[in-house]
Protein backbone atom coordinates (compact mmCIF):
# COMPACT_ATOMS: atom_id res chain seq x y z
CA MET A 1 3.55 -25.96 -11.04
CA GLY A 2 5.51 -22.86 -10.35
CA ARG A 3 6.87 -20.40 -12.82
CA ASP A 4 10.04 -22.50 -13.35
CA ASP A 5 8.02 -25.75 -13.73
CA LYS A 6 9.07 -27.02 -10.32
CA PRO A 7 6.34 -28.27 -8.09
CA SER A 8 5.32 -25.76 -5.46
CA GLU A 9 5.81 -26.28 -1.75
CA LEU A 10 2.07 -26.92 -1.57
CA ALA A 11 2.23 -29.60 -4.27
CA GLU A 12 5.28 -31.23 -2.79
CA ALA A 13 3.71 -31.31 0.70
CA ALA A 14 0.54 -32.83 -0.65
CA LEU A 15 2.41 -35.42 -2.73
CA ALA A 16 4.58 -36.44 0.27
CA LEU A 17 1.45 -36.83 2.41
CA ASP A 18 -0.30 -38.79 -0.30
CA ARG A 19 2.75 -41.14 -0.65
CA GLU A 20 2.88 -41.72 3.05
CA LEU A 21 -0.85 -42.33 3.28
CA ARG A 22 -0.55 -45.01 0.64
CA LYS A 23 2.28 -46.67 2.51
CA PHE A 24 0.21 -46.55 5.69
CA GLU A 25 -2.79 -48.10 3.90
CA ASP A 26 -0.55 -50.93 2.46
CA LEU A 27 0.90 -51.60 5.94
CA ALA A 28 -2.57 -51.63 7.52
CA GLU A 29 -3.86 -53.95 4.78
CA GLN A 30 -0.76 -56.18 5.25
CA ALA A 31 -1.24 -56.38 9.00
CA GLY A 32 -4.95 -57.07 8.59
CA ARG A 33 -4.69 -59.86 6.08
CA LEU A 34 -2.06 -61.85 7.87
CA LYS A 35 -3.48 -64.86 9.66
CA LEU A 36 -2.20 -64.85 13.20
CA SER A 37 -1.82 -68.65 13.21
CA THR A 38 1.98 -68.88 13.19
CA GLU A 39 4.76 -67.29 15.08
CA LYS A 40 6.27 -66.10 11.77
CA ASN A 41 2.94 -64.41 10.85
CA LEU A 42 2.79 -62.83 14.33
CA GLU A 43 6.25 -61.39 13.76
CA ARG A 44 5.22 -60.08 10.35
CA ALA A 45 2.09 -58.53 11.77
CA THR A 46 4.05 -56.96 14.66
CA GLU A 47 6.63 -55.62 12.19
CA ALA A 48 3.76 -54.22 9.96
CA LEU A 49 2.22 -52.57 13.06
CA THR A 50 5.53 -51.05 14.07
CA ARG A 51 6.13 -49.68 10.51
CA ALA A 52 2.43 -48.48 10.40
CA ALA A 53 3.01 -46.59 13.72
CA GLU A 54 6.27 -45.00 12.30
CA SER A 55 4.31 -44.17 9.10
CA GLN A 56 1.59 -42.52 11.22
CA ASP A 57 4.22 -40.33 12.78
CA ARG A 58 5.49 -39.30 9.36
CA ILE A 59 1.95 -38.69 8.31
CA ARG A 60 1.49 -36.20 11.19
CA GLY A 61 4.71 -34.48 10.07
CA HIS A 62 3.47 -34.32 6.47
CA VAL A 63 0.13 -32.94 7.65
CA GLN A 64 1.93 -30.16 9.54
CA ASP A 65 4.06 -29.44 6.41
CA LEU A 66 0.89 -29.35 4.27
CA VAL A 67 -0.87 -27.03 6.68
CA ALA A 68 2.17 -24.70 6.70
CA ALA A 69 2.30 -24.81 2.87
CA VAL A 70 -1.41 -24.04 2.67
CA ALA A 71 -0.92 -21.10 5.02
CA ALA A 72 2.04 -19.79 3.05
CA THR A 73 0.14 -20.21 -0.21
CA ARG A 74 -2.89 -18.39 1.16
CA GLN A 75 -0.64 -15.55 2.36
CA ARG A 76 0.94 -15.29 -1.10
CA GLN A 77 -2.44 -15.42 -2.80
CA GLU A 78 -3.77 -12.69 -0.48
CA GLY A 79 -0.73 -10.53 -1.27
CA ASP A 80 -1.24 -11.16 -5.00
CA ALA A 81 -4.90 -10.27 -4.67
CA ALA A 82 -4.11 -7.08 -2.87
CA ALA A 83 -1.58 -6.12 -5.60
CA LEU A 84 -4.21 -6.89 -8.22
CA MET A 85 -6.77 -4.71 -6.53
CA GLU A 86 -4.22 -1.90 -6.42
CA ARG A 87 -3.44 -2.42 -10.07
CA ALA A 88 -7.12 -2.44 -10.93
CA GLN A 89 -7.55 0.98 -9.16
CA GLN A 90 -4.50 2.32 -11.18
CA ILE A 91 -6.03 1.05 -14.41
CA ALA A 92 -9.39 2.62 -13.58
CA ALA A 93 -7.76 5.90 -12.79
CA ARG A 94 -5.75 5.77 -15.96
CA ARG A 95 -8.84 4.92 -18.03
CA LYS A 96 -10.52 8.01 -16.56
CA GLU A 97 -7.51 10.20 -17.51
CA PHE A 98 -7.68 8.85 -21.03
CA ALA A 99 -11.44 9.35 -21.23
CA ASP A 100 -11.10 12.95 -20.08
CA VAL A 101 -8.44 13.74 -22.65
CA LEU A 102 -10.28 11.92 -25.41
CA GLN A 103 -13.41 13.84 -24.54
CA ARG A 104 -11.54 17.06 -25.00
CA MET A 105 -10.32 15.77 -28.40
CA ALA A 106 -13.90 14.94 -29.33
CA GLY A 107 -14.82 18.47 -28.51
CA LEU A 108 -12.05 19.72 -30.79
CA GLY A 109 -13.47 17.52 -33.51
CA GLN A 110 -16.85 19.09 -33.09
CA MET A 111 -15.41 22.59 -33.20
CA ALA A 112 -13.46 21.71 -36.41
CA LYS A 113 -16.58 20.32 -37.92
CA GLU A 114 -18.51 23.53 -37.22
CA VAL A 115 -15.66 25.55 -38.86
CA GLN A 116 -15.73 23.22 -41.84
CA GLU A 117 -19.49 23.62 -42.20
CA ALA A 118 -19.19 27.39 -41.96
CA LEU A 119 -16.64 27.33 -44.72
CA ARG A 120 -18.89 25.21 -46.96
CA GLY A 121 -21.72 27.74 -46.66
CA ALA A 122 -22.95 29.65 -49.73
CA THR A 123 -21.12 32.79 -48.63
CA PRO A 124 -18.53 31.84 -46.08
CA SER A 125 -17.67 34.49 -43.59
CA VAL A 126 -13.88 34.28 -43.19
CA GLU A 127 -13.77 37.02 -40.62
CA GLY A 128 -15.32 34.94 -37.77
CA ILE A 129 -13.61 31.71 -38.73
CA GLU A 130 -9.99 32.61 -38.19
CA PRO A 131 -10.38 33.35 -34.43
CA ARG A 132 -12.29 30.02 -33.98
CA MET A 133 -9.53 28.23 -35.86
CA GLN A 134 -6.99 29.91 -33.54
CA GLN A 135 -9.00 28.74 -30.56
CA ILE A 136 -9.08 25.18 -31.89
CA ALA A 137 -5.29 25.28 -32.49
CA GLU A 138 -4.69 26.52 -28.92
CA GLU A 139 -6.95 23.89 -27.44
CA ALA A 140 -5.17 21.18 -29.52
CA ALA A 141 -1.80 22.44 -28.10
CA ALA A 142 -3.18 22.34 -24.62
CA ILE A 143 -4.45 18.82 -25.10
CA ALA A 144 -1.14 17.79 -26.65
CA GLN A 145 0.71 19.22 -23.61
CA THR A 146 -1.61 17.44 -21.18
CA ALA A 147 -1.34 14.20 -22.99
CA GLN A 148 2.47 14.48 -23.13
CA GLU A 149 2.59 15.17 -19.41
CA LYS A 150 0.38 12.11 -18.76
CA GLU A 151 2.51 9.92 -21.06
CA MET A 152 -0.23 9.48 -23.54
CA ASP A 153 2.03 9.69 -26.52
CA GLU A 154 -0.44 8.64 -29.24
CA VAL A 155 -3.03 11.18 -28.14
CA ALA A 156 -0.33 13.87 -27.84
CA ARG A 157 0.74 13.12 -31.47
CA GLN A 158 -2.87 13.20 -32.73
CA ALA A 159 -3.51 16.53 -30.96
CA GLU A 160 -0.32 18.00 -32.37
CA VAL A 161 -1.17 16.85 -35.87
CA LEU A 162 -4.61 18.43 -35.56
CA ARG A 163 -3.13 21.64 -34.28
CA GLN A 164 -0.80 21.78 -37.32
CA GLN A 165 -3.57 21.01 -39.77
CA ILE A 166 -5.69 23.71 -38.31
CA LEU A 167 -2.90 26.31 -38.43
CA ALA A 168 -2.14 25.40 -42.03
CA ALA A 169 -5.79 25.76 -43.00
CA LYS A 170 -6.03 29.02 -41.04
CA ASN A 171 -3.01 30.38 -43.03
CA LYS A 172 -4.57 29.40 -46.27
CA ILE A 173 -7.88 31.11 -45.29
CA ALA A 174 -5.86 34.21 -44.22
CA LEU A 175 -4.32 34.37 -47.69
CA LEU A 176 -7.75 34.10 -49.28
CA SER A 177 -9.37 36.77 -47.13
CA PRO A 178 -10.22 40.22 -48.61
CA LYS A 179 -7.72 41.92 -46.26
CA ALA A 180 -4.87 39.83 -47.57
CA ARG A 181 -5.76 40.68 -51.11
CA ALA A 182 -5.99 44.35 -50.55
């Protein structure tokens, strides 16, 4: 069935051929079972033969229609298969783009973890942490920009949220640093 629940050309051609083949079989059976012992039976047998010959002509036409429908269906299927292959390549390329951007995000996560561990140390050195946090914020902004350009809205939002969180933490650390208190 097609998209609109109508039989396809292929199905219609096959059904028409099937119907005509059944008629032909019935006519052949009818002609074969008649006893040729009376003139009336001879006329019936002759009529059955004539109708069978006409049916055979229609069968040839239906076979041609079916062959044409098969060819058209095959051509559509090959076109659909080519379109699917192209789409598969697009999907693979898009997956790679996402993987690349997400790998950069994972790198940011690792950098943020290192900063967090440095801050948890017994005597945290604020001096070296602020530039690293700035670097993380800048990389997050770059990732957000790349993700936005590639229409990866969710990743772009995540990178921007991370950038804002890092900058907010950097500002808090700057307020706590000995230089700010002096």
